Amino acid sequence: MLSRIVVSAVLCLAVPSFATADDKVVRLATLEWAPYTSGSARHDGATTEVVRRAFEAMGYQLEVVFYPWERAIKMGGDPGYGLHGYFPEYFREDSAPGGVFSDPVGYGPLGLAVRLDTEVSWDNLEDLSPYTIGTVQGYANTTDFDALAAEGVINVSEAMTDVTNLMKLVYGRVDLSVIDQHVFEYLLSTNPELNAVQQQLQFHQKLLEMKALYVTFNSANTHLADILNQGLAKIDVRATQEEVFSDYYLSK
């Protein structure tokens, strides 16, 4: 990989010690969110590989730095921290004031995990009001879901990570958990705690939304969105994502 820098979750919000002379190096914050982004996965995750190949097609190198998600947003969204932006982000109006979104760098089916012993049927989000739904702190879900949660129509219970969110579901502390389907399948396959209880969980067939994933460039580096977009047009985003996913699952 290209000069990956892994940062512990306990570090202070210090400015990363990047060299800044090379204007052909793009430095982005991300999070541990396998199989899309992960410092412990080949290619640093499927979405990282998409972004890397797109920038390489334009003659640029990519460096990624890993933080907890809320810190990745803070560090990547503020030019003062020496980063150009962050990813992968769902589209949201309040992201990085003054910054811009790239074209999509990946796609993910966002839905609900449920226990096998629980029957859940819903047509509209309001139908979910009888349930307590697990979410992850700092994650955007869907615009309508988050609005109903803010209004108290949907009852949510936050966790710090997807793993904790799913374990709350296993132990009956929540009735459903919001999660991306690829993340759900990857965690059940690779996380020992979840692998041991995988027969208790399933991914609900009805999606909340098929989400596009983006890079958000901060206000000082909006020009990089055009460069990345030109690179994305030179590669096949969906095929690259599926190629990396297949590599992960075939190797297990």
Protein backbone atom coordinates (compact mmCIF):
# COMPACT_ATOMS: atom_id res chain seq x y z
CA MET A 1 0.00 0.00 0.00
CA LEU A 2 1.01 3.66 -0.25
CA SER A 3 2.37 5.00 3.02
CA ARG A 4 -0.51 4.06 5.26
CA ILE A 5 -0.43 5.73 8.66
CA VAL A 6 -2.45 3.99 11.38
CA VAL A 7 -3.45 6.19 14.31
CA SER A 8 -4.61 4.88 17.68
CA ALA A 9 -8.05 5.89 18.91
CA VAL A 10 -6.53 7.31 22.09
CA LEU A 11 -4.35 9.91 20.39
CA CYS A 12 -5.07 13.56 20.93
CA LEU A 13 -6.28 15.74 18.09
CA ALA A 14 -2.79 16.69 17.03
CA VAL A 15 -1.81 17.78 13.54
CA PRO A 16 -0.41 14.76 11.65
CA SER A 17 3.27 15.10 10.77
CA PHE A 18 2.83 14.80 7.00
CA ALA A 19 5.32 16.15 4.54
CA THR A 20 3.51 18.80 2.50
CA ALA A 21 5.92 19.46 -0.36
CA ASP A 22 4.49 16.83 -2.69
CA ASP A 23 1.26 18.17 -4.22
CA LYS A 24 0.71 14.82 -5.89
CA VAL A 25 -0.04 13.12 -2.57
CA VAL A 26 -3.64 13.15 -1.30
CA ARG A 27 -4.12 12.53 2.40
CA LEU A 28 -7.52 11.39 3.61
CA ALA A 29 -8.94 10.37 6.97
CA THR A 30 -11.02 7.23 7.22
CA LEU A 31 -12.18 4.68 9.78
CA GLU A 32 -12.09 0.95 10.49
CA TRP A 33 -15.18 -0.14 8.56
CA ALA A 34 -14.31 -3.39 6.84
CA PRO A 35 -14.76 -4.48 4.15
CA TYR A 36 -14.95 -0.91 2.79
CA THR A 37 -12.04 0.61 4.73
CA SER A 38 -9.65 -1.14 7.11
CA GLY A 39 -5.98 -0.89 7.98
CA SER A 40 -5.90 -4.64 8.64
CA ALA A 41 -7.40 -5.68 5.28
CA ARG A 42 -5.67 -6.11 1.95
CA HIS A 43 -5.86 -2.93 -0.13
CA ASP A 44 -7.03 -1.17 3.08
CA GLY A 45 -10.59 -2.07 2.06
CA ALA A 46 -12.57 -2.03 -1.16
CA THR A 47 -13.47 1.66 -1.08
CA THR A 48 -9.89 2.66 -0.31
CA GLU A 49 -8.77 0.67 -3.34
CA VAL A 50 -11.32 2.43 -5.54
CA VAL A 51 -10.08 5.84 -4.39
CA ARG A 52 -6.45 4.78 -4.73
CA ARG A 53 -6.87 3.50 -8.29
CA ALA A 54 -8.80 6.59 -9.34
CA PHE A 55 -6.10 8.92 -8.04
CA GLU A 56 -3.36 6.74 -9.54
CA ALA A 57 -5.10 7.07 -12.90
CA MET A 58 -4.54 10.83 -12.56
CA GLY A 59 -0.91 10.54 -11.41
CA TYR A 60 -1.59 11.02 -7.70
CA GLN A 61 -0.74 8.91 -4.66
CA LEU A 62 -3.10 8.24 -1.76
CA GLU A 63 -2.25 8.19 1.93
CA VAL A 64 -4.92 7.20 4.45
CA VAL A 65 -4.98 7.73 8.19
CA PHE A 66 -7.36 5.77 10.43
CA TYR A 67 -9.39 7.33 13.24
CA PRO A 68 -12.69 6.65 15.00
CA TRP A 69 -15.34 8.03 12.65
CA GLU A 70 -16.27 11.23 14.49
CA ARG A 71 -12.58 12.11 14.73
CA ALA A 72 -12.05 11.27 11.05
CA ILE A 73 -14.77 13.79 10.20
CA LYS A 74 -13.20 16.41 12.45
CA MET A 75 -9.64 15.87 11.22
CA GLY A 76 -10.49 15.48 7.54
CA GLY A 77 -13.08 18.23 7.49
CA ASP A 78 -10.80 20.90 8.98
CA PRO A 79 -7.92 22.00 6.71
CA GLY A 80 -5.94 22.98 9.79
CA TYR A 81 -5.15 19.34 10.53
CA GLY A 82 -3.14 18.84 7.36
CA LEU A 83 -5.56 16.46 5.65
CA HIS A 84 -7.45 16.98 2.40
CA GLY A 85 -10.70 15.28 3.38
CA TYR A 86 -12.27 12.07 4.63
CA PHE A 87 -14.24 9.06 3.42
CA PRO A 88 -16.43 7.05 3.01
CA GLU A 89 -19.32 9.38 3.72
CA TYR A 90 -23.01 9.17 2.91
CA PHE A 91 -24.36 12.32 1.30
CA ARG A 92 -25.56 14.75 3.95
CA GLU A 93 -26.13 18.46 3.76
CA ASP A 94 -24.29 19.25 6.99
CA SER A 95 -20.99 17.55 6.05
CA ALA A 96 -17.81 19.65 6.12
CA PRO A 97 -19.13 23.19 5.69
CA GLY A 98 -17.45 24.71 2.65
CA GLY A 99 -16.29 21.31 1.44
CA VAL A 100 -17.50 19.25 -1.51
CA PHE A 101 -18.44 15.67 -2.25
CA SER A 102 -16.78 13.59 -4.94
CA ASP A 103 -18.71 11.40 -7.32
CA PRO A 104 -19.59 8.00 -5.77
CA VAL A 105 -16.62 5.84 -4.82
CA GLY A 106 -18.70 2.84 -3.79
CA TYR A 107 -22.14 1.54 -2.95
CA GLY A 108 -23.55 -0.17 0.12
CA PRO A 109 -26.92 -1.76 0.99
CA LEU A 110 -28.01 -0.22 4.30
CA GLY A 111 -30.57 -2.22 6.21
CA LEU A 112 -31.49 -3.92 9.46
CA ALA A 113 -30.07 -6.91 11.27
CA VAL A 114 -32.60 -8.96 13.23
CA ARG A 115 -32.53 -12.04 15.44
CA LEU A 116 -33.73 -15.22 13.77
CA ASP A 117 -36.29 -15.72 16.54
CA THR A 118 -37.89 -12.31 15.85
CA GLU A 119 -40.51 -11.69 13.18
CA VAL A 120 -40.31 -8.14 11.82
CA SER A 121 -42.47 -6.86 8.97
CA TRP A 122 -42.51 -3.24 7.87
CA ASP A 123 -43.48 -1.14 4.87
CA ASN A 124 -42.86 2.41 6.11
CA LEU A 125 -40.34 3.70 8.64
CA GLU A 126 -43.20 4.59 10.97
CA ASP A 127 -43.93 0.84 11.19
CA LEU A 128 -40.65 0.51 13.10
CA SER A 129 -41.86 2.70 15.97
CA PRO A 130 -42.68 -0.26 18.30
CA TYR A 131 -39.04 -1.42 18.20
CA THR A 132 -35.83 -0.26 19.80
CA ILE A 133 -33.29 0.04 17.02
CA GLY A 134 -29.53 -0.03 17.51
CA THR A 135 -27.43 2.57 15.70
CA VAL A 136 -23.76 3.55 15.81
CA GLN A 137 -22.79 6.89 17.33
CA GLY A 138 -21.76 9.43 14.70
CA TYR A 139 -23.02 7.41 11.73
CA ALA A 140 -25.55 8.91 9.34
CA ASN A 141 -28.31 6.46 8.45
CA THR A 142 -30.95 7.73 6.02
CA THR A 143 -32.31 11.26 6.01
CA ASP A 144 -35.84 10.11 6.86
CA PHE A 145 -34.69 7.59 9.48
CA ASP A 146 -32.53 10.15 11.28
CA ALA A 147 -35.29 12.75 11.17
CA LEU A 148 -37.81 10.35 12.71
CA ALA A 149 -35.25 9.31 15.33
CA ALA A 150 -34.66 12.97 16.23
CA GLU A 151 -38.43 13.46 16.58
CA GLY A 152 -38.74 10.40 18.82
CA VAL A 153 -40.96 8.54 16.35
CA ILE A 154 -38.26 5.88 16.05
CA ASN A 155 -36.62 4.75 19.27
CA VAL A 156 -32.86 4.32 18.86
CA SER A 157 -30.10 3.11 21.15
CA GLU A 158 -26.55 4.12 20.22
CA ALA A 159 -23.45 1.96 20.38
CA MET A 160 -19.83 2.90 19.75
CA THR A 161 -19.18 0.28 17.05
CA ASP A 162 -20.98 -2.07 14.68
CA VAL A 163 -19.75 -5.03 16.71
CA THR A 164 -21.21 -3.63 19.93
CA ASN A 165 -24.41 -2.78 18.09
CA LEU A 166 -24.81 -6.36 16.87
CA MET A 167 -23.97 -7.86 20.27
CA LYS A 168 -26.69 -5.69 21.82
CA LEU A 169 -29.02 -7.30 19.32
CA VAL A 170 -27.85 -10.80 20.27
CA TYR A 171 -28.47 -10.11 23.95
CA GLY A 172 -31.91 -8.59 23.34
CA ARG A 173 -30.99 -5.05 24.36
CA VAL A 174 -32.29 -3.84 21.00
CA ASP A 175 -34.81 -5.39 18.61
CA LEU A 176 -33.06 -4.39 15.36
CA SER A 177 -29.70 -2.96 14.39
CA VAL A 178 -28.96 -0.63 11.50
CA ILE A 179 -25.98 -1.88 9.52
CA ASP A 180 -24.59 -2.15 6.01
CA GLN A 181 -25.12 -5.63 4.59
CA HIS A 182 -21.49 -6.09 3.51
CA VAL A 183 -20.27 -4.98 6.94
CA PHE A 184 -22.75 -7.36 8.56
CA GLU A 185 -21.56 -10.33 6.51
CA TYR A 186 -17.89 -9.46 6.94
CA LEU A 187 -18.15 -9.10 10.71
CA LEU A 188 -20.02 -12.38 11.14
CA SER A 189 -17.32 -14.06 9.10
CA THR A 190 -14.24 -12.50 10.71
CA ASN A 191 -15.05 -11.29 14.23
CA PRO A 192 -14.69 -14.21 16.72
CA GLU A 193 -17.38 -12.92 19.07
CA LEU A 194 -19.93 -12.51 16.29
CA ASN A 195 -18.84 -15.62 14.43
CA ALA A 196 -19.77 -17.66 17.50
CA VAL A 197 -23.36 -16.36 17.44
CA GLN A 198 -23.85 -15.88 13.70
CA GLN A 199 -26.63 -18.49 13.57
CA GLN A 200 -28.74 -16.20 15.75
CA LEU A 201 -28.73 -13.27 13.33
CA GLN A 202 -29.90 -12.47 9.83
CA PHE A 203 -30.02 -9.44 7.56
CA HIS A 204 -33.59 -8.31 6.89
CA GLN A 205 -34.55 -8.57 3.23
CA LYS A 206 -36.04 -5.07 3.09
CA LEU A 207 -33.38 -2.37 2.74
CA LEU A 208 -33.49 1.07 4.27
CA GLU A 209 -31.62 2.39 1.24
CA MET A 210 -28.92 1.53 -1.28
CA LYS A 211 -26.34 4.10 -0.23
CA ALA A 212 -23.70 5.72 -2.39
CA LEU A 213 -20.35 6.37 -0.73
CA TYR A 214 -18.35 9.56 -1.27
CA VAL A 215 -15.09 11.29 -0.46
CA THR A 216 -15.66 14.64 1.24
CA PHE A 217 -12.93 17.21 0.54
CA ASN A 218 -12.55 20.08 2.98
CA SER A 219 -12.88 23.75 2.09
CA ALA A 220 -9.18 24.23 1.25
CA ASN A 221 -9.02 21.25 -1.10
CA THR A 222 -12.22 21.30 -3.14
CA HIS A 223 -10.18 21.18 -6.38
CA LEU A 224 -9.25 17.58 -5.59
CA ALA A 225 -12.85 16.49 -6.15
CA ASP A 226 -12.52 17.26 -9.87
CA ILE A 227 -9.27 15.33 -10.07
CA LEU A 228 -10.75 12.32 -8.30
CA ASN A 229 -13.90 12.47 -10.43
CA GLN A 230 -11.80 12.37 -13.59
CA GLY A 231 -9.97 9.34 -12.22
CA LEU A 232 -13.21 7.62 -11.27
CA ALA A 233 -14.37 8.00 -14.86
CA LYS A 234 -11.30 6.02 -15.94
CA ILE A 235 -12.06 2.97 -13.77
CA ASP A 236 -15.10 0.81 -13.04
CA VAL A 237 -16.10 1.64 -9.48
CA ARG A 238 -18.59 -1.19 -8.98
CA ALA A 239 -16.31 -3.80 -10.58
CA THR A 240 -13.37 -2.71 -8.43
CA GLN A 241 -15.46 -2.89 -5.28
CA GLU A 242 -16.70 -6.38 -6.17
CA GLU A 243 -13.20 -7.50 -7.12
CA VAL A 244 -11.86 -6.63 -3.68
CA PHE A 245 -14.88 -8.10 -1.90
CA SER A 246 -14.45 -11.35 -3.83
CA ASP A 247 -10.78 -11.42 -2.93
CA TYR A 248 -11.69 -11.19 0.76
CA TYR A 249 -14.39 -13.83 0.77
CA LEU A 250 -12.63 -16.31 -1.53
CA SER A 251 -9.56 -16.21 0.70
CA LYS A 252 -11.40 -17.12 3.90
